[in-house]
Amino acid sequence: MPGVDDEEITHLVEEKVDAFWRGVEGGANKRGQILVTFSEKRPRKSWFLIGEEEVPWEQWIINAEIRQPSDRERQKFNADLAATLTKSLQTMLVHSSSEKGRSAVPLITNASSISPFPIKMTVKVGGVEVA
């Protein structure tokens, strides 16, 4: 699978995954979500304020659940997980390479980093945001 290594994005992802683990570690709830929001910067339209605002244009919601499968269940679990991830990646690739998918992405106006769009990641466990 093609990819680009970016230290800042890698750090952000590791930080949020660690927050998810801390959120589910001590509690009874072993389910949560990681939300990834992509925004674009637009001029703020206001009489009194001058500047930019971040306007979200896409959000991915990653549902996660921690399980402890038995040895017998583990093989099926791993196969199901691999199939689910493969299907999800194929869906994202097909959508993002389609005419409709490309038209949803705002124009790139700043190509100074790996992601020209502001990225925000939020972690929720039991419906409560975890830092």
Protein backbone atom coordinates (compact mmCIF):
# COMPACT_ATOMS: atom_id res chain seq x y z
CA MET A 1 0.00 0.00 0.00
CA PRO A 2 1.50 3.35 -1.00
CA GLY A 3 2.08 5.89 1.70
CA VAL A 4 4.15 8.84 2.80
CA ASP A 5 5.96 9.03 6.11
CA ASP A 6 5.41 12.31 7.93
CA GLU A 7 6.77 12.74 11.44
CA GLU A 8 4.10 15.26 12.53
CA ILE A 9 1.17 13.10 11.34
CA THR A 10 2.76 9.96 12.85
CA HIS A 11 3.12 11.73 16.20
CA LEU A 12 -0.50 12.94 16.10
CA VAL A 13 -1.80 9.43 15.34
CA GLU A 14 0.34 7.81 18.06
CA GLU A 15 -0.80 10.44 20.58
CA LYS A 16 -4.49 9.81 19.84
CA VAL A 17 -4.13 6.02 19.85
CA ASP A 18 -2.41 6.29 23.25
CA ALA A 19 -5.30 8.47 24.47
CA PHE A 20 -7.75 5.80 23.29
CA TRP A 21 -5.84 3.09 25.17
CA ARG A 22 -5.76 5.20 28.34
CA GLY A 23 -9.52 5.80 27.98
CA VAL A 24 -10.43 2.12 27.75
CA GLU A 25 -7.70 0.76 30.03
CA GLY A 26 -9.30 1.32 33.41
CA GLY A 27 -12.98 1.43 32.56
CA ALA A 28 -15.58 -1.18 31.82
CA ASN A 29 -16.35 0.35 28.42
CA LYS A 30 -14.03 -1.11 25.79
CA ARG A 31 -15.57 0.72 22.83
CA GLY A 32 -14.78 4.09 21.44
CA GLN A 33 -14.27 6.23 18.40
CA ILE A 34 -11.43 8.10 16.78
CA LEU A 35 -12.70 10.97 14.64
CA VAL A 36 -10.47 12.42 11.93
CA THR A 37 -11.65 15.76 10.55
CA PHE A 38 -10.19 17.48 7.50
CA SER A 39 -10.81 21.21 7.14
CA GLU A 40 -9.95 24.01 4.80
CA LYS A 41 -8.98 27.52 5.79
CA ARG A 42 -11.33 30.18 4.47
CA PRO A 43 -11.39 33.93 5.02
CA ARG A 44 -13.61 34.75 7.98
CA LYS A 45 -16.63 36.72 6.86
CA SER A 46 -17.45 39.12 9.62
CA TRP A 47 -17.79 42.86 10.06
CA PHE A 48 -15.46 43.06 13.03
CA LEU A 49 -13.02 40.19 12.68
CA ILE A 50 -10.35 39.70 10.06
CA GLY A 51 -8.65 36.35 9.67
CA GLU A 52 -9.29 32.76 8.73
CA GLU A 53 -11.59 30.06 9.97
CA GLU A 54 -11.33 26.29 9.61
CA VAL A 55 -14.34 24.82 7.81
CA PRO A 56 -14.63 21.00 7.94
CA TRP A 57 -15.17 19.29 4.58
CA GLU A 58 -14.76 15.63 5.54
CA GLN A 59 -14.83 13.52 8.68
CA TRP A 60 -13.93 9.88 9.15
CA ILE A 61 -15.30 8.05 12.17
CA ILE A 62 -13.27 5.01 13.19
CA ASN A 63 -15.18 2.76 15.58
CA ALA A 64 -12.93 0.66 17.78
CA GLU A 65 -13.57 -2.09 20.30
CA ILE A 66 -11.06 -3.91 22.47
CA ARG A 67 -11.61 -7.66 22.65
CA GLN A 68 -9.81 -10.60 24.19
CA PRO A 69 -10.67 -13.48 21.84
CA SER A 70 -9.84 -17.05 22.78
CA ASP A 71 -7.16 -18.86 20.77
CA ARG A 72 -9.85 -20.53 18.66
CA GLU A 73 -11.60 -17.23 17.98
CA ARG A 74 -8.36 -15.37 17.26
CA GLN A 75 -7.81 -16.89 13.79
CA LYS A 76 -11.34 -15.98 12.63
CA PHE A 77 -11.04 -12.58 14.29
CA ASN A 78 -7.75 -11.83 12.47
CA ALA A 79 -9.22 -12.93 9.13
CA ASP A 80 -12.36 -10.81 9.67
CA LEU A 81 -10.27 -7.81 10.72
CA ALA A 82 -8.01 -8.11 7.66
CA ALA A 83 -11.04 -8.40 5.35
CA THR A 84 -12.73 -5.39 6.96
CA LEU A 85 -9.61 -3.21 6.74
CA THR A 86 -9.00 -4.27 3.13
CA LYS A 87 -12.58 -3.47 2.17
CA SER A 88 -12.42 -0.09 3.93
CA LEU A 89 -9.17 0.86 2.21
CA GLN A 90 -10.52 -0.21 -1.18
CA THR A 91 -13.67 1.86 -0.60
CA MET A 92 -11.57 4.93 0.31
CA LEU A 93 -9.28 4.48 -2.71
CA VAL A 94 -12.16 3.98 -5.15
CA HIS A 95 -14.06 6.96 -3.76
CA SER A 96 -11.07 9.29 -3.63
CA SER A 97 -10.06 8.44 -7.21
CA SER A 98 -13.58 8.91 -8.60
CA GLU A 99 -14.84 12.14 -10.17
CA LYS A 100 -17.30 12.63 -7.30
CA GLY A 101 -14.62 11.99 -4.67
CA ARG A 102 -12.13 14.38 -6.24
CA SER A 103 -14.76 17.11 -6.57
CA ALA A 104 -15.40 17.00 -2.81
CA VAL A 105 -11.81 17.95 -2.01
CA PRO A 106 -11.20 21.72 -1.81
CA LEU A 107 -8.50 23.32 -3.94
CA ILE A 108 -5.02 23.01 -2.51
CA THR A 109 -3.79 26.51 -1.71
CA ASN A 110 -0.89 25.59 0.59
CA ALA A 111 1.41 22.70 -0.27
CA SER A 112 4.09 23.42 2.33
CA SER A 113 3.50 20.21 4.30
CA ILE A 114 2.40 16.63 3.67
CA SER A 115 -1.23 17.60 4.29
CA PRO A 116 -2.34 20.90 2.81
CA PHE A 117 -5.46 20.77 5.00
CA PRO A 118 -5.74 21.18 8.78
CA ILE A 119 -6.32 17.79 10.43
CA LYS A 120 -8.00 17.36 13.79
CA MET A 121 -8.25 14.04 15.62
CA THR A 122 -10.64 13.48 18.51
CA VAL A 123 -10.91 10.38 20.71
CA LYS A 124 -14.16 9.40 22.43
CA VAL A 125 -14.71 6.52 24.84
CA GLY A 126 -18.25 5.92 26.02
CA GLY A 127 -19.35 9.09 24.22
CA VAL A 128 -16.93 11.24 26.26
CA GLU A 129 -13.95 12.99 24.70
CA VAL A 130 -10.60 11.73 26.01
CA ALA A 131 -7.46 13.88 25.96
